[in-house]
């Protein structure tokens, strides 16, 4: 009886740890995606501004 109880606790603990790990991994992935999106937007803005300056200079 006690063995079953202990194994249940272990299974529960491993489940909790797995959920926490999955959440951390998910948040990390979201953070990386967000950073990529922001850096991509910044690059787009820089290239756009550069092109804008060139256009105004040529005129």
C-alpha atoms as a PDB file:
ATOM      1  CA  UNK A   1       0.000   0.000   0.000  1.00  0.00           C
ATOM      2  CA  UNK A   2       2.735   2.409   0.993  1.00  0.00           C
ATOM      3  CA  UNK A   3       4.780   1.575  -2.114  1.00  0.00           C
ATOM      4  CA  UNK A   4       1.869   2.446  -4.376  1.00  0.00           C
ATOM      5  CA  UNK A   5       1.407   5.718  -2.485  1.00  0.00           C
ATOM      6  CA  UNK A   6       5.083   6.624  -2.903  1.00  0.00           C
ATOM      7  CA  UNK A   7       5.064   5.805  -6.616  1.00  0.00           C
ATOM      8  CA  UNK A   8       1.931   7.951  -7.001  1.00  0.00           C
ATOM      9  CA  UNK A   9       3.706  10.865  -5.312  1.00  0.00           C
ATOM     10  CA  UNK A  10       6.712  10.362  -7.600  1.00  0.00           C
ATOM     11  CA  UNK A  11       4.498  10.282 -10.680  1.00  0.00           C
ATOM     12  CA  UNK A  12       2.710  13.410  -9.513  1.00  0.00           C
ATOM     13  CA  UNK A  13       6.017  15.194  -8.866  1.00  0.00           C
ATOM     14  CA  UNK A  14       7.378  14.224 -12.279  1.00  0.00           C
ATOM     15  CA  UNK A  15       4.143  15.430 -13.900  1.00  0.00           C
ATOM     16  CA  UNK A  16       4.417  18.782 -12.115  1.00  0.00           C
ATOM     17  CA  UNK A  17       8.068  19.112 -13.118  1.00  0.00           C
ATOM     18  CA  UNK A  18       7.190  18.222 -16.709  1.00  0.00           C
ATOM     19  CA  UNK A  19       4.443  20.862 -16.795  1.00  0.00           C
ATOM     20  CA  UNK A  20       6.786  23.492 -15.337  1.00  0.00           C
ATOM     21  CA  UNK A  21       9.500  22.549 -17.843  1.00  0.00           C
ATOM     22  CA  UNK A  22       7.014  22.725 -20.724  1.00  0.00           C
ATOM     23  CA  UNK A  23       5.810  26.152 -19.554  1.00  0.00           C
ATOM     24  CA  UNK A  24       9.376  27.452 -19.275  1.00  0.00           C
ATOM     25  CA  UNK A  25      10.229  26.077 -22.709  1.00  0.00           C
ATOM     26  CA  UNK A  26       7.087  27.616 -24.185  1.00  0.00           C
ATOM     27  CA  UNK A  27       7.821  31.030 -22.671  1.00  0.00           C
ATOM     28  CA  UNK A  28      11.403  30.836 -23.949  1.00  0.00           C
ATOM     29  CA  UNK A  29      10.186  30.027 -27.458  1.00  0.00           C
ATOM     30  CA  UNK A  30       7.698  32.898 -27.341  1.00  0.00           C
ATOM     31  CA  UNK A  31      10.431  35.250 -26.117  1.00  0.00           C
ATOM     32  CA  UNK A  32      12.762  34.204 -28.942  1.00  0.00           C
ATOM     33  CA  UNK A  33       9.979  34.687 -31.500  1.00  0.00           C
ATOM     34  CA  UNK A  34       9.185  38.102 -30.057  1.00  0.00           C
ATOM     35  CA  UNK A  35      12.846  39.159 -30.171  1.00  0.00           C
ATOM     36  CA  UNK A  36      13.123  37.925 -33.761  1.00  0.00           C
ATOM     37  CA  UNK A  37       9.989  39.823 -34.767  1.00  0.00           C
ATOM     38  CA  UNK A  38      11.238  43.005 -33.100  1.00  0.00           C
ATOM     39  CA  UNK A  39      14.702  42.756 -34.675  1.00  0.00           C
ATOM     40  CA  UNK A  40      13.118  42.046 -38.061  1.00  0.00           C
ATOM     41  CA  UNK A  41      10.896  45.107 -37.664  1.00  0.00           C
ATOM     42  CA  UNK A  42      13.896  47.236 -36.693  1.00  0.00           C
ATOM     43  CA  UNK A  43      15.831  46.002 -39.736  1.00  0.00           C
ATOM     44  CA  UNK A  44      12.857  46.746 -41.986  1.00  0.00           C
ATOM     45  CA  UNK A  45      12.604  50.234 -40.479  1.00  0.00           C
ATOM     46  CA  UNK A  46      16.322  50.891 -40.979  1.00  0.00           C
ATOM     47  CA  UNK A  47      16.243  49.753 -44.615  1.00  0.00           C
ATOM     48  CA  UNK A  48      13.091  51.788 -45.198  1.00  0.00           C
ATOM     49  CA  UNK A  49      14.616  54.927 -43.666  1.00  0.00           C
ATOM     50  CA  UNK A  50      17.820  54.362 -45.656  1.00  0.00           C
ATOM     51  CA  UNK A  51      15.823  54.054 -48.868  1.00  0.00           C
ATOM     52  CA  UNK A  52      13.781  57.119 -47.917  1.00  0.00           C
ATOM     53  CA  UNK A  53      16.963  59.177 -47.405  1.00  0.00           C
ATOM     54  CA  UNK A  54      18.310  58.032 -50.764  1.00  0.00           C
ATOM     55  CA  UNK A  55      15.056  58.948 -52.501  1.00  0.00           C
ATOM     56  CA  UNK A  56      15.013  62.420 -50.945  1.00  0.00           C
ATOM     57  CA  UNK A  57      18.682  62.943 -51.871  1.00  0.00           C
ATOM     58  CA  UNK A  58      18.155  61.910 -55.483  1.00  0.00           C
ATOM     59  CA  UNK A  59      15.271  64.410 -55.739  1.00  0.00           C
END
